[in-house]
Protein backbone atom coordinates (compact mmCIF):
# COMPACT_ATOMS: atom_id res chain seq x y z
CA MET A 1 3.42 -27.88 0.25
CA THR A 2 6.95 -26.98 1.33
CA HIS A 3 8.58 -29.28 3.85
CA ASN A 4 11.41 -28.13 6.09
CA PHE A 5 13.47 -31.33 6.03
CA PRO A 6 16.91 -31.60 7.67
CA SER A 7 19.78 -30.98 5.28
CA ASN A 8 21.51 -34.19 6.45
CA LEU A 9 18.49 -36.37 5.68
CA GLN A 10 19.23 -39.49 3.65
CA VAL A 11 16.40 -40.85 1.51
CA SER A 12 16.37 -44.61 0.94
CA ALA A 13 16.18 -46.25 -2.47
CA ASP A 14 12.41 -46.61 -2.26
CA GLY A 15 11.99 -42.91 -1.53
CA THR A 16 11.16 -43.25 2.19
CA VAL A 17 12.77 -41.60 5.21
CA PRO A 18 12.99 -42.87 8.81
CA VAL A 19 10.41 -41.27 11.08
CA GLY A 20 10.07 -41.96 14.79
CA PRO A 21 6.81 -42.49 16.72
CA ASP A 22 6.99 -38.82 17.73
CA GLY A 23 6.69 -37.82 14.06
CA LEU A 24 10.25 -36.48 13.88
CA ILE A 25 12.64 -37.55 11.11
CA ARG A 26 15.76 -39.48 12.10
CA PRO A 27 18.79 -38.43 10.01
CA ALA A 28 21.53 -41.03 9.59
CA ASN A 29 24.20 -38.69 10.97
CA PRO A 30 22.33 -36.47 13.44
CA THR A 31 23.67 -33.22 14.79
CA LEU A 32 23.71 -32.47 18.51
CA ALA A 33 20.75 -30.14 18.12
CA GLN A 34 18.72 -32.86 16.38
CA LEU A 35 19.64 -35.35 19.08
CA ARG A 36 18.64 -32.96 21.86
CA ALA A 37 15.28 -32.28 20.21
CA VAL A 38 14.43 -35.98 20.14
CA CYS A 39 16.37 -37.47 23.08
CA GLN A 40 16.06 -34.66 25.61
CA PRO A 41 12.60 -33.15 25.14
CA PRO A 42 11.36 -30.68 27.78
CA HIS A 43 9.05 -33.19 29.48
CA VAL A 44 12.00 -35.52 30.10
CA ARG A 45 14.26 -32.86 31.58
CA ALA A 46 11.40 -31.57 33.72
CA ARG A 47 10.79 -34.91 35.46
CA LYS A 48 10.85 -34.41 39.22
CA ASN A 49 11.90 -37.84 40.49
CA ALA A 50 13.19 -39.77 37.49
CA GLU A 51 16.05 -37.31 36.95
CA HIS A 52 19.04 -37.26 39.28
CA TRP A 53 19.77 -33.85 40.79
CA THR A 54 22.96 -33.65 38.73
CA ALA A 55 21.09 -34.09 35.45
CA GLU A 56 20.63 -30.38 34.78
CA LEU A 57 23.90 -29.56 36.49
CA TYR A 58 26.08 -31.47 34.03
CA LEU A 59 24.78 -34.96 33.10
CA ARG A 60 22.43 -34.09 30.27
CA HIS A 61 24.86 -31.53 28.89
CA ILE A 62 27.52 -34.23 28.44
CA SER A 63 25.52 -37.45 27.93
CA ILE A 64 24.27 -36.32 24.53
CA TYR A 65 27.86 -36.56 23.21
CA PHE A 66 28.03 -40.22 24.27
CA THR A 67 24.58 -40.83 22.80
CA ARG A 68 25.75 -39.38 19.49
CA VAL A 69 28.36 -42.13 19.36
CA LEU A 70 26.03 -44.90 20.55
CA VAL A 71 23.26 -44.25 17.99
CA LYS A 72 25.78 -44.85 15.21
CA THR A 73 26.40 -48.37 16.52
CA ARG A 74 24.16 -51.42 16.70
CA ILE A 75 23.91 -51.37 20.49
CA THR A 76 20.34 -51.36 21.79
CA ALA A 77 18.92 -49.27 24.59
CA ASN A 78 18.39 -52.39 26.73
CA GLN A 79 22.03 -53.35 26.24
CA VAL A 80 23.08 -49.91 27.47
CA THR A 81 20.86 -50.41 30.52
CA THR A 82 22.45 -53.82 31.12
CA LEU A 83 25.89 -52.20 31.04
CA MET A 84 24.60 -49.68 33.57
CA MET A 85 23.49 -52.52 35.84
CA ILE A 86 26.83 -54.33 35.61
CA THR A 87 28.66 -51.08 36.35
CA GLY A 88 26.65 -50.76 39.55
CA TRP A 89 27.64 -54.27 40.64
CA PHE A 90 31.29 -53.40 40.10
CA MET A 91 30.77 -50.43 42.43
CA GLY A 92 29.96 -52.85 45.24
CA ALA A 93 32.92 -55.07 44.35
CA ALA A 94 35.25 -52.05 44.29
CA MET A 95 34.48 -51.39 47.95
CA LEU A 96 36.45 -54.55 48.80
CA ILE A 97 39.70 -52.93 47.65
CA PRO A 98 41.58 -51.67 50.76
CA GLY A 99 42.49 -48.06 51.37
CA ILE A 100 40.97 -45.10 49.56
CA TRP A 101 41.37 -46.66 46.11
CA GLY A 102 38.34 -48.94 46.34
CA PRO A 103 35.88 -46.18 47.26
CA LEU A 104 37.54 -43.88 44.71
CA ILE A 105 36.98 -46.45 41.96
CA ALA A 106 33.36 -46.78 43.15
CA VAL A 107 32.91 -42.99 42.83
CA VAL A 108 34.24 -43.08 39.26
CA LEU A 109 32.00 -46.03 38.40
CA SER A 110 29.01 -44.18 39.88
CA GLN A 111 29.57 -41.39 37.36
CA VAL A 112 29.85 -43.92 34.53
CA GLN A 113 26.58 -45.44 35.69
CA LEU A 114 24.89 -42.03 35.72
CA TYR A 115 25.89 -41.38 32.11
CA LEU A 116 24.77 -44.84 31.00
CA ASP A 117 21.48 -44.22 32.82
CA CYS A 118 21.00 -41.09 30.72
CA CYS A 119 22.16 -42.65 27.47
CA ASP A 120 19.88 -45.71 27.54
CA GLY A 121 16.77 -43.55 27.47
CA GLU A 122 18.25 -41.23 24.88
CA VAL A 123 19.14 -44.14 22.61
CA ALA A 124 15.63 -45.57 23.07
CA ARG A 125 13.98 -42.27 22.18
CA TRP A 126 16.17 -41.84 19.09
CA ARG A 127 15.51 -45.39 17.90
CA GLY A 128 11.80 -44.99 18.66
CA VAL A 129 11.59 -48.09 20.85
CA ARG A 130 9.98 -48.42 24.25
CA GLY A 131 8.71 -51.28 26.36
CA PRO A 132 8.56 -52.78 29.85
CA LYS A 133 11.78 -54.80 29.51
CA GLY A 134 14.01 -51.74 29.60
CA ILE A 135 12.12 -50.33 32.59
CA PHE A 136 12.47 -53.66 34.39
CA ILE A 137 16.23 -53.87 33.80
CA ASP A 138 16.60 -50.24 34.89
CA MET A 139 14.77 -50.92 38.17
CA VAL A 140 16.84 -54.02 38.87
CA ALA A 141 19.99 -52.00 38.18
CA HIS A 142 19.18 -49.20 40.61
CA HIS A 143 17.85 -51.47 43.35
CA SER A 144 20.74 -53.93 43.19
CA THR A 145 23.43 -51.23 42.95
CA GLU A 146 22.46 -49.59 46.24
CA ALA A 147 22.33 -52.97 47.96
CA ALA A 148 25.66 -54.01 46.43
CA VAL A 149 27.39 -50.87 47.71
CA ALA A 150 26.05 -51.42 51.24
CA VAL A 151 26.99 -55.11 51.29
CA GLY A 152 30.41 -54.34 49.79
CA VAL A 153 31.17 -51.77 52.49
CA GLY A 154 29.97 -54.17 55.19
CA VAL A 155 32.38 -56.86 53.98
CA ARG A 156 35.10 -54.21 53.58
CA VAL A 157 34.76 -53.22 57.24
CA ALA A 158 34.59 -56.87 58.32
CA MET A 159 37.83 -57.62 56.46
CA GLY A 160 39.43 -54.56 58.01
CA VAL A 161 38.52 -55.23 61.64
CA SER A 162 39.16 -58.97 61.48
CA PRO A 163 41.63 -59.82 58.70
CA GLY A 164 42.10 -63.49 57.97
CA ALA A 165 39.07 -64.89 59.80
CA PHE A 166 35.96 -63.00 60.81
CA THR A 167 35.65 -62.25 64.51
CA ALA A 168 32.46 -61.17 66.26
CA ASP A 169 33.15 -57.55 65.24
CA GLY A 170 33.70 -58.66 61.66
CA TRP A 171 30.44 -60.58 61.51
CA ALA A 172 28.63 -57.63 63.10
CA ALA A 173 29.97 -55.31 60.39
CA ALA A 174 28.98 -57.76 57.65
CA TRP A 175 25.49 -58.07 59.17
CA ALA A 176 25.17 -54.28 59.38
CA GLY A 177 26.12 -53.91 55.70
CA ALA A 178 23.69 -56.63 54.60
CA THR A 179 20.87 -55.19 56.70
CA LEU A 180 21.56 -51.71 55.35
CA GLY A 181 21.31 -53.19 51.85
CA VAL A 182 17.91 -54.70 52.65
CA LEU A 183 16.66 -51.40 54.09
CA LEU A 184 17.86 -49.51 51.01
CA LEU A 185 16.03 -52.01 48.81
CA MET A 186 12.89 -51.60 50.91
CA ASN A 187 13.06 -47.82 50.80
CA ARG A 188 13.37 -47.71 47.00
CA SER A 189 10.80 -50.49 46.56
CA GLN A 190 8.10 -48.57 48.44
CA SER A 191 7.73 -46.13 45.54
CA ILE A 192 7.46 -49.03 43.09
CA MET A 193 4.90 -50.72 45.36
CA MET A 194 2.83 -47.53 45.36
CA HIS A 195 2.76 -47.40 41.55
CA ALA A 196 2.03 -51.14 41.35
CA SER A 197 -0.84 -50.80 43.83
CA ARG A 198 -2.39 -48.01 41.79
CA ALA A 199 -2.02 -50.08 38.62
CA PHE A 200 -3.62 -53.17 40.21
CA ALA A 201 -6.52 -51.02 41.41
CA GLY A 202 -7.05 -49.65 37.90
CA VAL A 203 -5.91 -46.12 38.76
CA GLU A 204 -4.16 -44.08 36.10
CA LYS A 205 -0.40 -43.61 36.19
CA LEU A 206 0.79 -40.86 38.49
CA PRO A 207 2.58 -38.07 36.57
CA ASP A 208 6.18 -37.37 37.57
CA THR A 209 5.56 -33.87 38.91
CA SER A 210 5.98 -32.29 42.32
CA GLU A 211 2.29 -31.33 42.34
CA ALA A 212 1.17 -34.94 41.89
CA ARG A 213 3.33 -36.08 44.80
CA ALA A 214 2.59 -33.21 47.16
CA MET A 215 1.18 -33.83 50.63
CA PRO A 216 -1.53 -31.61 52.19
CA PRO A 217 0.55 -28.98 54.04
CA ALA A 218 -1.89 -28.89 56.95
CA SER A 219 -1.51 -32.60 57.71
CA LEU A 220 1.05 -33.91 60.20
CA ILE A 221 2.80 -35.97 57.51
CA GLY A 222 2.80 -32.95 55.21
CA ARG A 223 4.44 -30.77 57.87
CA LEU A 224 7.05 -33.43 58.65
CA ARG A 225 7.79 -33.82 54.95
CA SER A 226 8.22 -30.07 54.57
CA MET A 227 10.66 -30.08 57.49
CA ALA A 228 12.60 -32.93 55.84
CA ARG A 229 13.41 -30.63 52.93
CA PHE A 230 15.81 -28.75 55.16
CA VAL A 231 17.62 -32.01 55.98
CA PRO A 232 17.16 -34.14 52.82
CA PHE A 233 18.83 -37.21 54.32
CA HIS A 234 16.90 -39.54 52.02
CA ARG A 235 18.78 -38.13 49.04
CA MET A 236 22.03 -39.50 50.46
CA LEU A 237 20.74 -43.08 50.20
CA HIS A 238 21.30 -43.36 46.45
CA ALA A 239 24.29 -45.18 45.01
CA VAL A 240 26.11 -42.05 43.84
CA GLU A 241 25.82 -40.29 47.18
CA LEU A 242 26.66 -43.46 49.11
CA SER A 243 29.88 -43.90 47.13
CA LEU A 244 30.86 -40.30 47.91
CA ILE A 245 30.07 -40.75 51.62
CA PHE A 246 32.16 -43.89 51.93
CA PHE A 247 34.99 -42.35 49.89
CA ALA A 248 35.06 -39.45 52.35
CA ALA A 249 34.99 -41.93 55.24
CA SER A 250 37.93 -43.85 53.77
CA ILE A 251 39.93 -40.62 53.62
CA VAL A 252 39.17 -39.98 57.30
CA SER A 253 40.27 -43.51 58.19
CA ALA A 254 43.51 -43.03 56.24
CA VAL A 255 44.23 -39.67 57.87
CA ILE A 256 43.78 -40.93 61.44
CA GLY A 257 45.68 -44.13 60.64
CA GLN A 258 42.92 -46.54 61.66
CA PRO A 259 41.68 -48.61 58.68
CA VAL A 260 37.89 -48.72 58.11
CA VAL A 261 37.08 -47.10 61.46
CA ALA A 262 35.20 -44.22 59.80
CA GLU A 263 33.43 -46.56 57.38
CA SER A 264 32.30 -48.66 60.37
CA TRP A 265 30.75 -45.66 62.09
CA VAL A 266 29.07 -44.53 58.87
CA ILE A 267 27.46 -47.95 58.34
CA TRP A 268 25.90 -47.98 61.79
CA VAL A 269 24.70 -44.37 61.51
CA LEU A 270 23.16 -45.07 58.10
CA LEU A 271 21.59 -48.27 59.40
CA VAL A 272 19.75 -46.47 62.19
CA ALA A 273 18.81 -43.50 60.02
CA THR A 274 17.54 -45.68 57.17
CA VAL A 275 15.08 -47.35 59.54
CA GLY A 276 13.59 -43.91 60.20
CA VAL A 277 13.58 -43.06 56.49
CA ASN A 278 11.67 -46.26 55.74
CA VAL A 279 9.08 -45.52 58.41
CA GLY A 280 8.66 -41.97 57.15
CA HIS A 281 8.42 -43.13 53.55
CA PHE A 282 5.78 -45.71 54.48
CA CYS A 283 3.68 -43.15 56.37
CA ALA A 284 3.98 -40.65 53.52
CA GLN A 285 2.67 -43.26 51.07
CA VAL A 286 -0.12 -44.67 53.23
CA PHE A 287 -1.54 -41.32 54.30
CA SER A 288 -1.25 -39.62 50.92
CA ALA A 289 -3.98 -39.11 48.34
CA ARG A 290 -2.02 -41.34 45.98
CA LEU A 291 -3.42 -44.40 47.76
CA ALA A 292 -6.84 -42.96 48.58
CA PRO A 293 -9.74 -45.48 48.46
CA LEU A 294 -11.76 -45.63 45.26
CA SER A 295 -14.97 -46.30 47.19
CA THR A 296 -15.82 -45.42 50.78
CA GLY A 297 -18.04 -48.35 51.74
CA TRP A 298 -21.79 -48.89 51.98
CA GLU A 299 -24.55 -46.47 51.23
CA TYR A 300 -28.17 -46.79 52.36
CA LYS A 301 -31.10 -46.79 49.91
CA ARG A 302 -34.79 -47.55 50.02
CA PRO A 303 -35.55 -51.12 48.89
CA GLU A 304 -37.46 -49.93 45.82
CA ASP A 305 -34.41 -47.95 44.69
CA VAL A 306 -32.10 -50.95 44.78
CA GLN A 307 -31.25 -52.72 41.53
CA ALA A 308 -32.17 -56.36 40.96
CA GLN A 309 -30.12 -58.64 43.22
CA PRO A 310 -28.51 -62.00 42.33
CA VAL A 311 -30.27 -65.19 43.41
CA GLU A 312 -27.55 -65.98 45.92
CA LEU A 313 -28.60 -62.90 47.91
CA THR A 314 -32.35 -62.91 47.44
CA GLY A 315 -32.71 -66.60 48.24
CA ALA A 316 -30.60 -66.49 51.36
CA THR A 317 -33.49 -65.72 53.76
CA ASP A 318 -37.15 -64.69 53.36
CA ALA A 319 -38.54 -63.65 50.01
CA SER A 320 -39.65 -60.43 51.59
CA VAL A 321 -37.38 -57.64 52.61
CA ARG A 322 -37.52 -56.71 56.27
CA THR A 323 -36.73 -53.21 57.36
CA SER A 324 -35.07 -52.47 60.68
CA GLY A 325 -37.68 -52.25 63.43
CA GLU A 326 -40.11 -54.88 62.00
CA ASN A 327 -41.12 -57.78 64.26
């Protein structure tokens, strides 16, 4: 039998070669094509919700170069994810820097976080490792980053409107930022709660496809969701988009010569809008087939067709079974 092995394959002293769980050989010095075949398979790039909208635009085209460097080191996929989480926290801290520089640094860090978010999975697939720990760290990273950005902007506005000591306006801005952070956490958590509920009920994992998440078009929720596609406001509630929004707001504040005034307006607008997004997200989950009941309640049978009952039921009243209408 002739085997088509990679030309850069290195055989160990005992005559074995490294093979991943997908059955593909792992060369010691992989080419970009070999990395793409393993780290960016079609089913990964076709994911509807797990991939950011910029993934096909430029992320995956560039991240593979960083992954090529990372797989030659001893860094683990979970360590890359941890770096991604820390980068997100620095995004929130950067918002405290006055002027346009803080939001600009947050925008740059958001791009770093996006690349790390791509690379951790690519490193994991190349190394052939997978497990719940990496998924857990990834979820904490995304949830906490969005909250950190909102809280950071709230404190930024509070420091701008009441430098030195917080006034009532300063505390209001800080409260708005913290509340926005909670609402962002709640909005993202609803999807996780849906998957957790299905898992607790013993339902199989929902595939990451648009068909699996579609709503009946004839239903009210389905029609509202279709209308939301024309104004995809919910897509602006992710950390990358939030950093861009607040960067733009900081430019407006700088141009009109009133520090943090635009950021203040944006926080309150986002706060009100995010309440509506949460309500819509909740209704979309509750009324979808994803959380449909597994059983619909009682059914009525003739007594002789009923299986043997436990003693706790049969000994509760008479030994005989009464039918409705008997005296």
